[in-house]
C-alpha cells in the first residue's frame, strides 16, 4: 500500500470545496453539473473553489458537454479555449479525456487539450478522466498514454463502480509501471478503499455527495469518514 495515498473530492461550488477542505481532502476536482456527469466549471464558480485549495491543489474538469467522449473538431476547438481559460485561473491541473468511435483512446485529442493548457502553465498536472473506462481495453489504454506526459488516470477499471473493477485497476497499475498514477474512482464506496490500495491505487476519488434542498453538495461528515478510514489504512 502507498503511504501517501491521496483523497480527491469533487466540488461544484466554493461551499463544497470549503467542506471538502475542512474535512481533510488532499485534492479537489472542480466541475459543474455533476448530475450530468460533470462539465468544465465556469469562471465565477472556479474562483470560489480556488479559495479553498488543499495541499495537492485544485484540478479542473475540462469537458464542454455531457454525453459521450467522442469529440469532433468543433468540440476540440471549444475545449482548447477552455483549457487555456482554466489554466489562466491558476488551477493546479486539468482533468480531460477522449475516446474515438472504435473505443480507442483519442491520443491526438488528449494531446491537443493538454497542450493548450500547458502553453499557459507548463507546470499543470494532467489527469485522464473516466473516458478511459469507455475504451474497449483500459489496460492497453494506459500503455498508450505513457508517452503523452499524463500524470494520472482516474478509473473504475472499466466498470460502473470501481469496487467491481479492482482486478483491472491492478492490471492498469502494473501497465503504468510507476510512470502514471492510477486513481480509483467512480461509484466508490468507503469499503472499497482498502482493496483499492491493495490493488496499487495512488489515490481514491469520491464525490462524497448528499442531497440537500434538491441540490447536490459535499457531505463534510462523509469526507471526514473517508479521511479517517484512509488514515487508518495507511498509518
Protein backbone atom coordinates (compact mmCIF):
# COMPACT_ATOMS: atom_id res chain seq x y z
CA UNK A 1 0.00 0.00 0.00
CA UNK A 2 1.07 3.57 -0.64
CA UNK A 3 1.81 5.63 2.45
CA UNK A 4 0.81 8.80 0.61
CA UNK A 5 -2.48 7.80 -0.95
CA UNK A 6 -4.40 10.95 -1.78
CA UNK A 7 -8.08 11.61 -1.14
CA UNK A 8 -9.64 13.56 -4.01
CA UNK A 9 -13.12 15.06 -3.62
CA UNK A 10 -15.33 16.58 -6.32
CA UNK A 11 -16.57 20.11 -5.67
CA UNK A 12 -19.15 22.03 -7.69
CA UNK A 13 -19.09 25.22 -5.61
CA UNK A 14 -16.98 27.17 -3.18
CA UNK A 15 -19.14 25.87 -0.33
CA UNK A 16 -18.49 22.28 -1.41
CA UNK A 17 -14.77 22.96 -1.66
CA UNK A 18 -14.76 24.52 1.81
CA UNK A 19 -16.43 21.44 3.31
CA UNK A 20 -14.08 19.08 1.49
CA UNK A 21 -11.01 21.07 2.56
CA UNK A 22 -12.13 21.32 6.19
CA UNK A 23 -12.80 17.58 6.35
CA UNK A 24 -9.37 16.56 5.04
CA UNK A 25 -9.44 16.33 1.25
CA UNK A 26 -5.96 16.31 -0.30
CA UNK A 27 -7.08 17.44 -3.74
CA UNK A 28 -10.26 18.86 -5.26
CA UNK A 29 -11.66 18.25 -8.70
CA UNK A 30 -13.67 21.30 -9.72
CA UNK A 31 -16.61 20.92 -12.08
CA UNK A 32 -20.24 21.85 -12.62
CA UNK A 33 -23.38 19.86 -13.45
CA UNK A 34 -22.27 16.75 -11.60
CA UNK A 35 -25.74 15.30 -12.12
CA UNK A 36 -24.90 15.22 -15.86
CA UNK A 37 -21.50 13.62 -15.33
CA UNK A 38 -19.70 16.95 -14.95
CA UNK A 39 -18.64 19.75 -17.27
CA UNK A 40 -15.98 22.45 -17.11
CA UNK A 41 -16.54 24.90 -14.24
CA UNK A 42 -17.39 28.49 -15.12
CA UNK A 43 -15.05 31.29 -14.03
CA UNK A 44 -17.15 32.50 -11.11
CA UNK A 45 -17.62 29.01 -9.66
CA UNK A 46 -13.95 28.16 -10.11
CA UNK A 47 -12.87 31.40 -8.45
CA UNK A 48 -14.85 30.42 -5.35
CA UNK A 49 -13.47 26.88 -5.34
CA UNK A 50 -9.88 28.12 -5.62
CA UNK A 51 -10.29 29.98 -2.32
CA UNK A 52 -10.25 26.57 -0.60
CA UNK A 53 -7.17 24.95 -2.12
CA UNK A 54 -5.97 21.82 -0.26
CA UNK A 55 -2.41 20.55 -0.14
CA UNK A 56 -2.45 18.89 -3.57
CA UNK A 57 -4.40 21.69 -5.19
CA UNK A 58 -7.48 22.17 -7.33
CA UNK A 59 -7.76 20.35 -10.66
CA UNK A 60 -10.45 21.50 -13.08
CA UNK A 61 -12.51 19.21 -15.27
CA UNK A 62 -12.18 20.02 -18.96
CA UNK A 63 -15.37 18.84 -20.67
CA UNK A 64 -17.53 21.09 -22.81
CA UNK A 65 -20.70 18.99 -22.78
CA UNK A 66 -22.31 15.93 -21.20
CA UNK A 67 -22.71 12.72 -23.18
CA UNK A 68 -20.07 10.62 -24.86
CA UNK A 69 -16.35 11.26 -25.10
CA UNK A 70 -16.17 11.34 -28.91
CA UNK A 71 -15.01 14.82 -29.81
CA UNK A 72 -15.33 16.39 -33.24
CA UNK A 73 -13.28 19.34 -34.41
CA UNK A 74 -15.81 21.85 -33.08
CA UNK A 75 -15.69 20.22 -29.62
CA UNK A 76 -11.92 20.24 -29.61
CA UNK A 77 -11.67 23.89 -30.55
CA UNK A 78 -14.02 24.79 -27.71
CA UNK A 79 -12.06 22.68 -25.24
CA UNK A 80 -8.74 24.14 -26.34
CA UNK A 81 -10.13 27.57 -25.49
CA UNK A 82 -11.50 26.26 -22.21
CA UNK A 83 -8.15 24.64 -21.44
CA UNK A 84 -6.36 27.97 -21.79
CA UNK A 85 -9.02 29.76 -19.76
CA UNK A 86 -8.84 27.24 -16.93
CA UNK A 87 -5.04 27.33 -16.90
CA UNK A 88 -5.09 31.13 -16.57
CA UNK A 89 -7.17 30.89 -13.37
CA UNK A 90 -4.30 29.29 -11.50
CA UNK A 91 -5.61 25.73 -11.18
CA UNK A 92 -3.02 23.08 -10.43
CA UNK A 93 -4.18 20.61 -13.05
CA UNK A 94 -6.64 19.68 -15.76
CA UNK A 95 -8.82 16.57 -15.91
CA UNK A 96 -9.57 15.57 -19.51
CA UNK A 97 -10.01 12.69 -21.90
CA UNK A 98 -11.37 11.41 -25.20
CA UNK A 99 -12.01 8.15 -27.00
CA UNK A 100 -12.87 7.60 -30.62
CA UNK A 101 -15.87 5.74 -32.01
CA UNK A 102 -13.91 2.47 -32.07
CA UNK A 103 -13.28 2.63 -28.32
CA UNK A 104 -9.61 3.61 -28.58
CA UNK A 105 -8.17 6.50 -26.60
CA UNK A 106 -8.05 9.51 -28.92
CA UNK A 107 -4.41 10.40 -28.35
CA UNK A 108 -4.45 13.40 -30.69
CA UNK A 109 -7.46 14.92 -28.94
CA UNK A 110 -5.97 14.32 -25.50
CA UNK A 111 -2.66 15.85 -26.59
CA UNK A 112 -4.37 18.93 -28.07
CA UNK A 113 -6.44 19.62 -24.97
CA UNK A 114 -3.44 19.19 -22.68
CA UNK A 115 -1.11 21.25 -24.86
CA UNK A 116 -3.46 24.23 -24.85
CA UNK A 117 -3.37 24.46 -21.07
CA UNK A 118 0.34 23.69 -20.82
CA UNK A 119 1.06 26.61 -23.14
CA UNK A 120 -0.31 28.85 -20.39
CA UNK A 121 1.15 26.95 -17.43
CA UNK A 122 3.78 24.28 -18.15
CA UNK A 123 3.54 23.08 -14.54
CA UNK A 124 -0.04 21.82 -14.84
CA UNK A 125 -0.69 18.20 -13.91
CA UNK A 126 -2.80 16.33 -16.45
CA UNK A 127 -5.28 13.66 -15.40
CA UNK A 128 -7.06 11.38 -17.87
CA UNK A 129 -10.62 11.06 -16.62
CA UNK A 130 -13.04 8.16 -16.86
CA UNK A 131 -13.21 8.35 -20.62
CA UNK A 132 -10.64 5.58 -20.25
CA UNK A 133 -13.43 3.39 -18.86
CA UNK A 134 -15.32 3.89 -22.12
CA UNK A 135 -12.39 2.41 -24.02
CA UNK A 136 -12.52 -1.22 -25.08
CA UNK A 137 -9.35 -2.06 -23.12
CA UNK A 138 -8.44 0.23 -20.20
CA UNK A 139 -5.20 -1.63 -19.54
CA UNK A 140 -3.95 -1.20 -23.10
CA UNK A 141 -5.12 2.41 -22.96
CA UNK A 142 -2.74 3.10 -20.07
CA UNK A 143 0.22 1.96 -22.14
CA UNK A 144 -0.91 4.26 -24.97
CA UNK A 145 -0.83 7.22 -22.60
CA UNK A 146 2.70 6.61 -21.29
CA UNK A 147 4.40 8.88 -23.79
CA UNK A 148 1.91 11.77 -23.54
CA UNK A 149 3.15 13.13 -20.24
CA UNK A 150 -0.06 12.20 -18.42
CA UNK A 151 0.41 12.33 -14.65
CA UNK A 152 -2.66 10.42 -13.52
CA UNK A 153 -5.58 8.27 -14.70
CA UNK A 154 -8.96 8.22 -12.95
CA UNK A 155 -10.63 4.87 -13.48
CA UNK A 156 -13.25 2.44 -12.25
CA UNK A 157 -11.49 -0.39 -14.06
CA UNK A 158 -13.95 -0.27 -16.92
CA UNK A 159 -16.92 -0.98 -14.64
CA UNK A 160 -19.75 1.23 -13.43
CA UNK A 161 -18.31 1.03 -9.90
CA UNK A 162 -14.62 0.95 -9.04
CA UNK A 163 -15.24 -1.75 -6.45
CA UNK A 164 -16.19 -4.09 -9.29
CA UNK A 165 -13.18 -3.17 -11.40
CA UNK A 166 -10.36 -3.72 -8.92
CA UNK A 167 -8.77 -6.59 -10.86
CA UNK A 168 -8.49 -4.37 -13.94
CA UNK A 169 -7.28 -1.45 -11.82
CA UNK A 170 -4.47 -3.65 -10.51
CA UNK A 171 -3.51 -4.55 -14.08
CA UNK A 172 -3.59 -0.86 -15.02
CA UNK A 173 -1.21 -0.11 -12.15
CA UNK A 174 1.14 -2.78 -13.47
CA UNK A 175 0.88 -1.42 -17.03
CA UNK A 176 1.68 2.09 -15.80
CA UNK A 177 4.93 0.88 -14.29
CA UNK A 178 5.13 3.82 -11.92
CA UNK A 179 5.10 6.34 -14.74
CA UNK A 180 1.42 7.25 -14.34
CA UNK A 181 -0.54 7.31 -11.09
CA UNK A 182 -3.72 5.25 -11.11
CA UNK A 183 -6.57 6.79 -9.11
CA UNK A 184 -9.56 4.61 -8.27
CA UNK A 185 -12.92 6.34 -8.58
CA UNK A 186 -16.43 6.09 -9.90
CA UNK A 187 -19.17 4.71 -7.68
CA UNK A 188 -16.60 4.21 -4.92
CA UNK A 189 -17.78 3.07 -1.51
CA UNK A 190 -15.82 3.51 1.70
CA UNK A 191 -15.38 -0.26 1.86
CA UNK A 192 -13.55 -0.13 -1.49
CA UNK A 193 -10.67 1.99 -0.17
CA UNK A 194 -8.67 -0.88 1.34
CA UNK A 195 -8.97 -3.14 -1.72
CA UNK A 196 -8.13 -0.19 -4.00
CA UNK A 197 -4.96 0.49 -2.04
CA UNK A 198 -4.01 -3.18 -2.18
CA UNK A 199 -4.52 -3.04 -5.94
CA UNK A 200 -1.90 -0.27 -6.04
CA UNK A 201 -4.06 2.84 -6.44
CA UNK A 202 -2.13 6.01 -5.68
CA UNK A 203 -5.31 7.95 -4.90
CA UNK A 204 -9.02 7.49 -4.35
CA UNK A 205 -11.70 9.75 -5.80
CA UNK A 206 -15.14 10.41 -4.29
CA UNK A 207 -17.97 12.82 -4.91
CA UNK A 208 -18.99 12.41 -1.23
CA UNK A 209 -22.27 13.94 -2.22
CA UNK A 210 -25.55 14.33 -0.42
CA UNK A 211 -28.90 15.75 -1.49
CA UNK A 212 -29.93 18.98 0.22
CA UNK A 213 -32.92 21.10 -0.78
CA UNK A 214 -32.91 19.50 -4.22
CA UNK A 215 -29.23 20.18 -4.88
CA UNK A 216 -26.10 18.01 -4.76
CA UNK A 217 -23.46 19.09 -2.29
CA UNK A 218 -20.44 17.64 -0.49
CA UNK A 219 -21.11 15.99 2.86
CA UNK A 220 -18.42 17.13 5.28
CA UNK A 221 -19.23 14.18 7.54
CA UNK A 222 -18.74 11.74 4.65
CA UNK A 223 -15.37 13.25 3.75
CA UNK A 224 -14.28 13.04 7.40
CA UNK A 225 -15.20 9.36 7.46
CA UNK A 226 -13.22 8.73 4.28
CA UNK A 227 -10.25 10.68 5.66
CA UNK A 228 -10.26 8.70 8.89
CA UNK A 229 -10.53 5.39 7.05
CA UNK A 230 -7.68 6.28 4.71
CA UNK A 231 -5.51 7.39 7.62
CA UNK A 232 -6.20 4.17 9.48
CA UNK A 233 -5.23 2.10 6.46
CA UNK A 234 -2.01 3.97 5.70
CA UNK A 235 -0.63 4.74 9.17
